[in-house]
Amino acid sequence: DQLHIGLTGGTQEGYINIVTPKFTETSSAPLKAMATAFHLLPALLLS
């Protein structure tokens, strides 16, 4: 905002900007299994 050119989309104060990795489509089964495991990790920890 201090640049005064109307840029929007920056991080708001008090928020944490988390950059998530983008998985490319591959034929690698272990990578997909690992991505699924990471996706289920919060539910598993909560249980």
All heavy atoms as atom14 arrays in JSON, in Angstrom:
{
  "sequence": "DQLHIGLTGGTQEGYINIVTPKFTETSSAPLKAMATAFHLLPALLLS",
  "atom14_mask": [
    [1, 1, 1, 1, 1, 1, 1, 1, 0, 0, 0, 0, 0, 0],
    [1, 1, 1, 1, 1, 1, 1, 1, 1, 0, 0, 0, 0, 0],
    [1, 1, 1, 1, 1, 1, 1, 1, 0, 0, 0, 0, 0, 0],
    [1, 1, 1, 1, 1, 1, 1, 1, 1, 1, 0, 0, 0, 0],
    [1, 1, 1, 1, 1, 1, 1, 1, 0, 0, 0, 0, 0, 0],
    [1, 1, 1, 1, 0, 0, 0, 0, 0, 0, 0, 0, 0, 0],
    [1, 1, 1, 1, 1, 1, 1, 1, 0, 0, 0, 0, 0, 0],
    [1, 1, 1, 1, 1, 1, 1, 0, 0, 0, 0, 0, 0, 0],
    [1, 1, 1, 1, 0, 0, 0, 0, 0, 0, 0, 0, 0, 0],
    [1, 1, 1, 1, 0, 0, 0, 0, 0, 0, 0, 0, 0, 0],
    [1, 1, 1, 1, 1, 1, 1, 0, 0, 0, 0, 0, 0, 0],
    [1, 1, 1, 1, 1, 1, 1, 1, 1, 0, 0, 0, 0, 0],
    [1, 1, 1, 1, 1, 1, 1, 1, 1, 0, 0, 0, 0, 0],
    [1, 1, 1, 1, 0, 0, 0, 0, 0, 0, 0, 0, 0, 0],
    [1, 1, 1, 1, 1, 1, 1, 1, 1, 1, 1, 1, 0, 0],
    [1, 1, 1, 1, 1, 1, 1, 1, 0, 0, 0, 0, 0, 0],
    [1, 1, 1, 1, 1, 1, 1, 1, 0, 0, 0, 0, 0, 0],
    [1, 1, 1, 1, 1, 1, 1, 1, 0, 0, 0, 0, 0, 0],
    [1, 1, 1, 1, 1, 1, 1, 0, 0, 0, 0, 0, 0, 0],
    [1, 1, 1, 1, 1, 1, 1, 0, 0, 0, 0, 0, 0, 0],
    [1, 1, 1, 1, 1, 1, 1, 0, 0, 0, 0, 0, 0, 0],
    [1, 1, 1, 1, 1, 1, 1, 1, 1, 0, 0, 0, 0, 0],
    [1, 1, 1, 1, 1, 1, 1, 1, 1, 1, 1, 0, 0, 0],
    [1, 1, 1, 1, 1, 1, 1, 0, 0, 0, 0, 0, 0, 0],
    [1, 1, 1, 1, 1, 1, 1, 1, 1, 0, 0, 0, 0, 0],
    [1, 1, 1, 1, 1, 1, 1, 0, 0, 0, 0, 0, 0, 0],
    [1, 1, 1, 1, 1, 1, 0, 0, 0, 0, 0, 0, 0, 0],
    [1, 1, 1, 1, 1, 1, 0, 0, 0, 0, 0, 0, 0, 0],
    [1, 1, 1, 1, 1, 0, 0, 0, 0, 0, 0, 0, 0, 0],
    [1, 1, 1, 1, 1, 1, 1, 0, 0, 0, 0, 0, 0, 0],
    [1, 1, 1, 1, 1, 1, 1, 1, 0, 0, 0, 0, 0, 0],
    [1, 1, 1, 1, 1, 1, 1, 1, 1, 0, 0, 0, 0, 0],
    [1, 1, 1, 1, 1, 0, 0, 0, 0, 0, 0, 0, 0, 0],
    [1, 1, 1, 1, 1, 1, 1, 1, 0, 0, 0, 0, 0, 0],
    [1, 1, 1, 1, 1, 0, 0, 0, 0, 0, 0, 0, 0, 0],
    [1, 1, 1, 1, 1, 1, 1, 0, 0, 0, 0, 0, 0, 0],
    [1, 1, 1, 1, 1, 0, 0, 0, 0, 0, 0, 0, 0, 0],
    [1, 1, 1, 1, 1, 1, 1, 1, 1, 1, 1, 0, 0, 0],
    [1, 1, 1, 1, 1, 1, 1, 1, 1, 1, 0, 0, 0, 0],
    [1, 1, 1, 1, 1, 1, 1, 1, 0, 0, 0, 0, 0, 0],
    [1, 1, 1, 1, 1, 1, 1, 1, 0, 0, 0, 0, 0, 0],
    [1, 1, 1, 1, 1, 1, 1, 0, 0, 0, 0, 0, 0, 0],
    [1, 1, 1, 1, 1, 0, 0, 0, 0, 0, 0, 0, 0, 0],
    [1, 1, 1, 1, 1, 1, 1, 1, 0, 0, 0, 0, 0, 0],
    [1, 1, 1, 1, 1, 1, 1, 1, 0, 0, 0, 0, 0, 0],
    [1, 1, 1, 1, 1, 1, 1, 1, 0, 0, 0, 0, 0, 0],
    [1, 1, 1, 1, 1, 1, 0, 0, 0, 0, 0, 0, 0, 0]
  ],
  "atom14_positions": [
    [[0.82, -1.21, 0.0], [0.0, 0.0, 0.0], [0.86, 1.26, 0.0], [0.47, 2.28, -0.57], [-0.94, 0.02, 1.22], [-2.02, -1.05, 1.15], [-2.27, -1.59, 0.04], [-2.61, -1.36, 2.2], [0.0, 0.0, 0.0], [0.0, 0.0, 0.0], [0.0, 0.0, 0.0], [0.0, 0.0, 0.0], [0.0, 0.0, 0.0], [0.0, 0.0, 0.0]],
    [[2.04, 1.2, 0.61], [2.93, 2.36, 0.67], [3.49, 2.73, -0.7], [4.02, 3.83, -0.87], [4.06, 2.1, 1.66], [3.58, 2.04, 3.1], [4.68, 1.64, 4.07], [5.85, 1.5, 3.7], [4.3, 1.44, 5.32], [0.0, 0.0, 0.0], [0.0, 0.0, 0.0], [0.0, 0.0, 0.0], [0.0, 0.0, 0.0], [0.0, 0.0, 0.0]],
    [[3.37, 1.83, -1.68], [3.82, 2.14, -3.03], [2.82, 3.02, -3.78], [3.15, 3.62, -4.8], [4.08, 0.84, -3.82], [5.17, -0.07, -3.28], [5.27, -1.34, -4.13], [6.51, 0.64, -3.2], [0.0, 0.0, 0.0], [0.0, 0.0, 0.0], [0.0, 0.0, 0.0], [0.0, 0.0, 0.0], [0.0, 0.0, 0.0], [0.0, 0.0, 0.0]],
    [[1.56, 3.05, -3.3], [0.51, 3.9, -3.86], [0.25, 3.64, -5.34], [0.04, 4.58, -6.12], [0.82, 5.38, -3.65], [1.05, 5.73, -2.21], [0.05, 5.71, -1.26], [2.19, 6.08, -1.55], [0.55, 6.05, -0.09], [1.85, 6.26, -0.23], [0.0, 0.0, 0.0], [0.0, 0.0, 0.0], [0.0, 0.0, 0.0], [0.0, 0.0, 0.0]],
    [[0.27, 2.34, -5.74], [-0.05, 2.02, -7.13], [-1.19, 1.0, -7.23], [-1.47, 0.49, -8.3], [1.2, 1.53, -7.91], [1.82, 0.29, -7.26], [2.21, 2.66, -8.06], [2.92, -0.35, -8.09], [0.0, 0.0, 0.0], [0.0, 0.0, 0.0], [0.0, 0.0, 0.0], [0.0, 0.0, 0.0], [0.0, 0.0, 0.0], [0.0, 0.0, 0.0]],
    [[-1.83, 0.7, -6.1], [-3.01, -0.15, -6.11], [-2.76, -1.65, -6.15], [-3.62, -2.4, -6.61], [0.0, 0.0, 0.0], [0.0, 0.0, 0.0], [0.0, 0.0, 0.0], [0.0, 0.0, 0.0], [0.0, 0.0, 0.0], [0.0, 0.0, 0.0], [0.0, 0.0, 0.0], [0.0, 0.0, 0.0], [0.0, 0.0, 0.0], [0.0, 0.0, 0.0]],
    [[-1.61, -2.1, -5.69], [-1.34, -3.53, -5.68], [-2.15, -4.2, -4.58], [-2.21, -3.71, -3.46], [0.15, -3.81, -5.45], [1.11, -3.33, -6.53], [2.55, -3.66, -6.13], [0.78, -3.92, -7.88], [0.0, 0.0, 0.0], [0.0, 0.0, 0.0], [0.0, 0.0, 0.0], [0.0, 0.0, 0.0], [0.0, 0.0, 0.0], [0.0, 0.0, 0.0]],
    [[-2.77, -5.33, -4.9], [-3.54, -6.08, -3.92], [-3.14, -7.54, -3.97], [-2.62, -8.01, -4.98], [-5.06, -5.97, -4.18], [-5.33, -6.46, -5.5], [-5.54, -4.54, -4.06], [0.0, 0.0, 0.0], [0.0, 0.0, 0.0], [0.0, 0.0, 0.0], [0.0, 0.0, 0.0], [0.0, 0.0, 0.0], [0.0, 0.0, 0.0], [0.0, 0.0, 0.0]],
    [[-3.4, -8.25, -2.87], [-3.08, -9.67, -2.83], [-1.96, -10.02, -1.89], [-1.57, -11.17, -1.78], [0.0, 0.0, 0.0], [0.0, 0.0, 0.0], [0.0, 0.0, 0.0], [0.0, 0.0, 0.0], [0.0, 0.0, 0.0], [0.0, 0.0, 0.0], [0.0, 0.0, 0.0], [0.0, 0.0, 0.0], [0.0, 0.0, 0.0], [0.0, 0.0, 0.0]],
    [[-1.45, -9.02, -1.19], [-0.38, -9.27, -0.22], [-0.92, -9.89, 1.06], [-2.14, -10.01, 1.25], [0.0, 0.0, 0.0], [0.0, 0.0, 0.0], [0.0, 0.0, 0.0], [0.0, 0.0, 0.0], [0.0, 0.0, 0.0], [0.0, 0.0, 0.0], [0.0, 0.0, 0.0], [0.0, 0.0, 0.0], [0.0, 0.0, 0.0], [0.0, 0.0, 0.0]],
    [[-0.02, -10.27, 1.93], [-0.39, -10.89, 3.2], [-0.89, -9.82, 4.17], [-0.24, -8.79, 4.35], [0.84, -11.59, 3.81], [1.33, -12.54, 2.88], [0.48, -12.29, 5.1], [0.0, 0.0, 0.0], [0.0, 0.0, 0.0], [0.0, 0.0, 0.0], [0.0, 0.0, 0.0], [0.0, 0.0, 0.0], [0.0, 0.0, 0.0], [0.0, 0.0, 0.0]],
    [[-2.04, -10.08, 4.78], [-2.59, -9.16, 5.77], [-1.84, -9.31, 7.08], [-1.32, -10.38, 7.38], [-4.08, -9.45, 5.98], [-4.92, -9.23, 4.74], [-4.9, -7.79, 4.24], [-4.87, -6.85, 5.03], [-4.9, -7.62, 2.93], [0.0, 0.0, 0.0], [0.0, 0.0, 0.0], [0.0, 0.0, 0.0], [0.0, 0.0, 0.0], [0.0, 0.0, 0.0]],
    [[-1.78, -8.27, 7.84], [-1.1, -8.31, 9.14], [-1.8, -9.33, 10.04], [-3.02, -9.42, 10.06], [-1.14, -6.94, 9.81], [-0.5, -5.83, 8.99], [0.95, -6.05, 8.63], [1.72, -6.53, 9.47], [1.32, -5.72, 7.49], [0.0, 0.0, 0.0], [0.0, 0.0, 0.0], [0.0, 0.0, 0.0], [0.0, 0.0, 0.0], [0.0, 0.0, 0.0]],
    [[-1.02, -10.1, 10.76], [-1.58, -11.09, 11.68], [-1.87, -12.43, 11.03], [-2.31, -13.35, 11.7], [0.0, 0.0, 0.0], [0.0, 0.0, 0.0], [0.0, 0.0, 0.0], [0.0, 0.0, 0.0], [0.0, 0.0, 0.0], [0.0, 0.0, 0.0], [0.0, 0.0, 0.0], [0.0, 0.0, 0.0], [0.0, 0.0, 0.0], [0.0, 0.0, 0.0]],
    [[-1.63, -12.56, 9.75], [-1.86, -13.82, 9.05], [-0.52, -14.45, 8.72], [0.48, -13.76, 8.53], [-2.64, -13.61, 7.76], [-4.08, -13.25, 7.99], [-4.46, -11.92, 8.17], [-5.06, -14.23, 8.02], [-5.78, -11.58, 8.39], [-6.38, -13.9, 8.24], [-6.74, -12.58, 8.42], [-8.04, -12.25, 8.64], [0.0, 0.0, 0.0], [0.0, 0.0, 0.0]],
    [[-0.52, -15.74, 8.6], [0.68, -16.47, 8.19], [0.46, -16.94, 6.77], [-0.57, -17.54, 6.46], [0.96, -17.68, 9.11], [1.19, -17.21, 10.54], [2.14, -18.49, 8.59], [1.3, -18.35, 11.53], [0.0, 0.0, 0.0], [0.0, 0.0, 0.0], [0.0, 0.0, 0.0], [0.0, 0.0, 0.0], [0.0, 0.0, 0.0], [0.0, 0.0, 0.0]],
    [[1.4, -16.67, 5.92], [1.31, -17.07, 4.53], [2.0, -18.42, 4.36], [3.21, -18.52, 4.51], [1.97, -16.02, 3.63], [1.62, -16.2, 2.18], [0.71, -16.95, 1.85], [2.34, -15.51, 1.31], [0.0, 0.0, 0.0], [0.0, 0.0, 0.0], [0.0, 0.0, 0.0], [0.0, 0.0, 0.0], [0.0, 0.0, 0.0], [0.0, 0.0, 0.0]],
    [[1.23, -19.45, 4.09], [1.78, -20.79, 3.94], [1.8, -21.14, 2.45], [0.77, -21.09, 1.79], [0.94, -21.84, 4.7], [0.94, -21.51, 6.19], [1.46, -23.25, 4.43], [0.01, -22.37, 7.01], [0.0, 0.0, 0.0], [0.0, 0.0, 0.0], [0.0, 0.0, 0.0], [0.0, 0.0, 0.0], [0.0, 0.0, 0.0], [0.0, 0.0, 0.0]],
    [[2.98, -21.44, 1.96], [3.12, -21.83, 0.57], [3.14, -23.34, 0.51], [3.97, -23.99, 1.13], [4.43, -21.25, -0.04], [4.59, -21.68, -1.47], [4.43, -19.74, 0.09], [0.0, 0.0, 0.0], [0.0, 0.0, 0.0], [0.0, 0.0, 0.0], [0.0, 0.0, 0.0], [0.0, 0.0, 0.0], [0.0, 0.0, 0.0], [0.0, 0.0, 0.0]],
    [[2.18, -23.9, -0.22], [2.1, -25.36, -0.32], [2.77, -25.82, -1.6], [2.63, -25.17, -2.63], [0.64, -25.85, -0.3], [-0.07, -25.22, -1.37], [-0.03, -25.52, 1.02], [0.0, 0.0, 0.0], [0.0, 0.0, 0.0], [0.0, 0.0, 0.0], [0.0, 0.0, 0.0], [0.0, 0.0, 0.0], [0.0, 0.0, 0.0], [0.0, 0.0, 0.0]],
    [[3.49, -26.93, -1.55], [4.15, -27.42, -2.76], [3.11, -27.93, -3.74], [2.07, -28.45, -3.36], [5.05, -28.55, -2.25], [4.43, -28.99, -0.98], [3.74, -27.79, -0.4], [0.0, 0.0, 0.0], [0.0, 0.0, 0.0], [0.0, 0.0, 0.0], [0.0, 0.0, 0.0], [0.0, 0.0, 0.0], [0.0, 0.0, 0.0], [0.0, 0.0, 0.0]],
    [[3.4, -27.76, -5.02], [2.52, -28.26, -6.07], [3.1, -29.57, -6.57], [4.25, -29.63, -7.0], [2.42, -27.25, -7.21], [1.74, -25.97, -6.77], [1.68, -24.97, -7.89], [1.03, -23.69, -7.38], [1.21, -22.6, -8.28], [0.0, 0.0, 0.0], [0.0, 0.0, 0.0], [0.0, 0.0, 0.0], [0.0, 0.0, 0.0], [0.0, 0.0, 0.0]],
    [[2.3, -30.63, -6.5], [2.75, -31.93, -6.98], [2.45, -32.03, -8.46], [1.34, -31.74, -8.9], [2.02, -33.07, -6.24], [2.4, -33.17, -4.8], [1.57, -32.68, -3.8], [3.61, -33.73, -4.42], [1.92, -32.76, -2.47], [3.98, -33.82, -3.1], [3.13, -33.33, -2.12], [0.0, 0.0, 0.0], [0.0, 0.0, 0.0], [0.0, 0.0, 0.0]],
    [[3.45, -32.43, -9.22], [3.24, -32.63, -10.64], [2.7, -34.04, -10.85], [2.99, -34.96, -10.08], [4.54, -32.46, -11.44], [5.52, -33.34, -10.91], [5.04, -31.02, -11.34], [0.0, 0.0, 0.0], [0.0, 0.0, 0.0], [0.0, 0.0, 0.0], [0.0, 0.0, 0.0], [0.0, 0.0, 0.0], [0.0, 0.0, 0.0], [0.0, 0.0, 0.0]],
    [[1.93, -34.21, -11.88], [1.33, -35.51, -12.17], [2.45, -36.45, -12.63], [3.13, -36.18, -13.61], [0.26, -35.37, -13.26], [-0.56, -36.62, -13.47], [-1.38, -37.02, -12.25], [-1.85, -36.13, -11.53], [-1.54, -38.22, -12.01], [0.0, 0.0, 0.0], [0.0, 0.0, 0.0], [0.0, 0.0, 0.0], [0.0, 0.0, 0.0], [0.0, 0.0, 0.0]],
    [[2.62, -37.52, -11.91], [3.63, -38.5, -12.28], [3.01, -39.88, -12.2], [1.92, -40.06, -11.66], [4.85, -38.46, -11.34], [4.42, -38.82, -10.03], [5.49, -37.09, -11.32], [0.0, 0.0, 0.0], [0.0, 0.0, 0.0], [0.0, 0.0, 0.0], [0.0, 0.0, 0.0], [0.0, 0.0, 0.0], [0.0, 0.0, 0.0], [0.0, 0.0, 0.0]],
    [[3.7, -40.83, -12.68], [3.19, -42.2, -12.6], [3.75, -42.9, -11.36], [3.63, -44.1, -11.22], [3.6, -42.98, -13.86], [5.01, -43.01, -13.95], [0.0, 0.0, 0.0], [0.0, 0.0, 0.0], [0.0, 0.0, 0.0], [0.0, 0.0, 0.0], [0.0, 0.0, 0.0], [0.0, 0.0, 0.0], [0.0, 0.0, 0.0], [0.0, 0.0, 0.0]],
    [[4.36, -42.15, -10.5], [4.98, -42.7, -9.32], [3.94, -42.96, -8.23], [3.42, -42.05, -7.63], [6.05, -41.73, -8.81], [6.48, -42.1, -7.55], [0.0, 0.0, 0.0], [0.0, 0.0, 0.0], [0.0, 0.0, 0.0], [0.0, 0.0, 0.0], [0.0, 0.0, 0.0], [0.0, 0.0, 0.0], [0.0, 0.0, 0.0], [0.0, 0.0, 0.0]],
    [[3.63, -44.22, -7.96], [2.65, -44.59, -6.94], [3.09, -44.17, -5.54], [2.27, -43.69, -4.77], [2.36, -46.08, -7.01], [0.0, 0.0, 0.0], [0.0, 0.0, 0.0], [0.0, 0.0, 0.0], [0.0, 0.0, 0.0], [0.0, 0.0, 0.0], [0.0, 0.0, 0.0], [0.0, 0.0, 0.0], [0.0, 0.0, 0.0], [0.0, 0.0, 0.0]],
    [[4.38, -44.32, -5.17], [4.78, -43.92, -3.82], [4.53, -42.44, -3.53], [4.17, -42.08, -2.44], [6.27, -44.25, -3.77], [6.46, -45.33, -4.78], [5.45, -45.02, -5.86], [0.0, 0.0, 0.0], [0.0, 0.0, 0.0], [0.0, 0.0, 0.0], [0.0, 0.0, 0.0], [0.0, 0.0, 0.0], [0.0, 0.0, 0.0], [0.0, 0.0, 0.0]],
    [[4.71, -41.58, -4.52], [4.48, -40.16, -4.32], [3.01, -39.89, -4.02], [2.68, -39.13, -3.12], [4.93, -39.35, -5.55], [4.76, -37.84, -5.46], [5.55, -37.29, -4.28], [5.19, -37.17, -6.74], [0.0, 0.0, 0.0], [0.0, 0.0, 0.0], [0.0, 0.0, 0.0], [0.0, 0.0, 0.0], [0.0, 0.0, 0.0], [0.0, 0.0, 0.0]],
    [[2.11, -40.55, -4.77], [0.69, -40.36, -4.53], [0.3, -40.9, -3.17], [-0.5, -40.31, -2.45], [-0.13, -41.03, -5.63], [-0.06, -40.29, -6.95], [-0.93, -40.93, -7.98], [-0.8, -40.17, -9.3], [-1.62, -40.73, -10.34], [0.0, 0.0, 0.0], [0.0, 0.0, 0.0], [0.0, 0.0, 0.0], [0.0, 0.0, 0.0], [0.0, 0.0, 0.0]],
    [[0.86, -42.02, -2.79], [0.56, -42.6, -1.49], [1.04, -41.68, -0.38], [0.36, -41.48, 0.62], [1.22, -43.98, -1.36], [0.0, 0.0, 0.0], [0.0, 0.0, 0.0], [0.0, 0.0, 0.0], [0.0, 0.0, 0.0], [0.0, 0.0, 0.0], [0.0, 0.0, 0.0], [0.0, 0.0, 0.0], [0.0, 0.0, 0.0], [0.0, 0.0, 0.0]],
    [[2.22, -41.08, -0.57], [2.76, -40.18, 0.44], [1.9, -38.91, 0.54], [1.61, -38.43, 1.63], [4.2, -39.8, 0.11], [4.91, -39.14, 1.27], [6.67, -39.21, 1.15], [7.0, -37.86, 0.07], [0.0, 0.0, 0.0], [0.0, 0.0, 0.0], [0.0, 0.0, 0.0], [0.0, 0.0, 0.0], [0.0, 0.0, 0.0], [0.0, 0.0, 0.0]],
    [[1.45, -38.38, -0.6], [0.59, -37.2, -0.59], [-0.72, -37.51, 0.12], [-1.22, -36.7, 0.9], [0.32, -36.73, -2.03], [0.0, 0.0, 0.0], [0.0, 0.0, 0.0], [0.0, 0.0, 0.0], [0.0, 0.0, 0.0], [0.0, 0.0, 0.0], [0.0, 0.0, 0.0], [0.0, 0.0, 0.0], [0.0, 0.0, 0.0], [0.0, 0.0, 0.0]],
    [[-1.28, -38.7, -0.08], [-2.51, -39.1, 0.6], [-2.26, -39.23, 2.1], [-3.08, -38.8, 2.91], [-3.03, -40.44, 0.02], [-3.25, -40.26, -1.38], [-4.32, -40.86, 0.7], [0.0, 0.0, 0.0], [0.0, 0.0, 0.0], [0.0, 0.0, 0.0], [0.0, 0.0, 0.0], [0.0, 0.0, 0.0], [0.0, 0.0, 0.0], [0.0, 0.0, 0.0]],
    [[-1.12, -39.8, 2.46], [-0.79, -39.96, 3.88], [-0.67, -38.59, 4.55], [-1.18, -38.4, 5.66], [0.51, -40.74, 4.03], [0.0, 0.0, 0.0], [0.0, 0.0, 0.0], [0.0, 0.0, 0.0], [0.0, 0.0, 0.0], [0.0, 0.0, 0.0], [0.0, 0.0, 0.0], [0.0, 0.0, 0.0], [0.0, 0.0, 0.0], [0.0, 0.0, 0.0]],
    [[-0.04, -37.62, 3.89], [0.07, -36.28, 4.46], [-1.3, -35.63, 4.58], [-1.57, -34.9, 5.51], [1.0, -35.4, 3.63], [2.45, -35.63, 3.91], [3.34, -35.85, 2.89], [2.93, -35.63, 5.22], [4.69, -36.07, 3.16], [4.26, -35.84, 5.49], [5.14, -36.07, 4.46], [0.0, 0.0, 0.0], [0.0, 0.0, 0.0], [0.0, 0.0, 0.0]],
    [[-2.18, -35.92, 3.63], [-3.52, -35.37, 3.66], [-4.3, -35.91, 4.85], [-5.09, -35.2, 5.47], [-4.24, -35.69, 2.34], [-5.64, -35.21, 2.28], [-5.95, -33.88, 2.18], [-6.81, -35.88, 2.33], [-7.26, -33.74, 2.16], [-7.82, -34.95, 2.25], [0.0, 0.0, 0.0], [0.0, 0.0, 0.0], [0.0, 0.0, 0.0], [0.0, 0.0, 0.0]],
    [[-4.08, -37.17, 5.19], [-4.8, -37.81, 6.29], [-4.12, -37.63, 7.65], [-4.7, -37.96, 8.67], [-4.96, -39.31, 5.99], [-5.8, -39.65, 4.76], [-5.76, -41.14, 4.5], [-7.21, -39.15, 4.92], [0.0, 0.0, 0.0], [0.0, 0.0, 0.0], [0.0, 0.0, 0.0], [0.0, 0.0, 0.0], [0.0, 0.0, 0.0], [0.0, 0.0, 0.0]],
    [[-2.92, -37.11, 7.67], [-2.15, -36.96, 8.9], [-2.89, -36.17, 10.0], [-2.94, -36.61, 11.14], [-0.78, -36.35, 8.61], [0.21, -36.3, 9.77], [0.49, -37.72, 10.28], [1.5, -35.66, 9.32], [0.0, 0.0, 0.0], [0.0, 0.0, 0.0], [0.0, 0.0, 0.0], [0.0, 0.0, 0.0], [0.0, 0.0, 0.0], [0.0, 0.0, 0.0]],
    [[-3.52, -35.01, 9.7], [-4.22, -34.29, 10.77], [-5.34, -35.12, 11.4], [-5.5, -35.11, 12.63], [-4.78, -33.05, 10.06], [-3.9, -32.86, 8.88], [-3.48, -34.24, 8.46], [0.0, 0.0, 0.0], [0.0, 0.0, 0.0], [0.0, 0.0, 0.0], [0.0, 0.0, 0.0], [0.0, 0.0, 0.0], [0.0, 0.0, 0.0], [0.0, 0.0, 0.0]],
    [[-6.11, -35.84, 10.6], [-7.19, -36.67, 11.14], [-6.63, -37.78, 12.01], [-7.18, -38.1, 13.08], [-8.03, -37.25, 10.0], [0.0, 0.0, 0.0], [0.0, 0.0, 0.0], [0.0, 0.0, 0.0], [0.0, 0.0, 0.0], [0.0, 0.0, 0.0], [0.0, 0.0, 0.0], [0.0, 0.0, 0.0], [0.0, 0.0, 0.0], [0.0, 0.0, 0.0]],
    [[-5.53, -38.38, 11.59], [-4.9, -39.44, 12.36], [-4.4, -38.91, 13.71], [-4.62, -39.53, 14.75], [-3.73, -40.06, 11.56], [-2.95, -41.16, 12.25], [-3.85, -42.36, 12.54], [-1.77, -41.57, 11.38], [0.0, 0.0, 0.0], [0.0, 0.0, 0.0], [0.0, 0.0, 0.0], [0.0, 0.0, 0.0], [0.0, 0.0, 0.0], [0.0, 0.0, 0.0]],
    [[-3.75, -37.75, 13.69], [-3.25, -37.16, 14.94], [-4.39, -36.8, 15.88], [-4.3, -37.01, 17.09], [-2.4, -35.93, 14.63], [-1.06, -36.2, 13.95], [-0.39, -34.88, 13.57], [-0.16, -37.03, 14.83], [0.0, 0.0, 0.0], [0.0, 0.0, 0.0], [0.0, 0.0, 0.0], [0.0, 0.0, 0.0], [0.0, 0.0, 0.0], [0.0, 0.0, 0.0]],
    [[-5.47, -36.28, 15.33], [-6.63, -35.95, 16.14], [-7.23, -37.19, 16.78], [-7.61, -37.19, 17.95], [-7.67, -35.21, 15.3], [-8.89, -34.67, 16.04], [-8.47, -33.71, 17.13], [-9.83, -34.0, 15.06], [0.0, 0.0, 0.0], [0.0, 0.0, 0.0], [0.0, 0.0, 0.0], [0.0, 0.0, 0.0], [0.0, 0.0, 0.0], [0.0, 0.0, 0.0]],
    [[-7.3, -38.29, 16.03], [-7.82, -39.56, 16.55], [-6.96, -40.08, 17.69], [-7.47, -40.49, 18.72], [-7.9, -40.61, 15.44], [-8.75, -40.2, 14.42], [0.0, 0.0, 0.0], [0.0, 0.0, 0.0], [0.0, 0.0, 0.0], [0.0, 0.0, 0.0], [0.0, 0.0, 0.0], [0.0, 0.0, 0.0], [0.0, 0.0, 0.0], [0.0, 0.0, 0.0]]
  ]
}
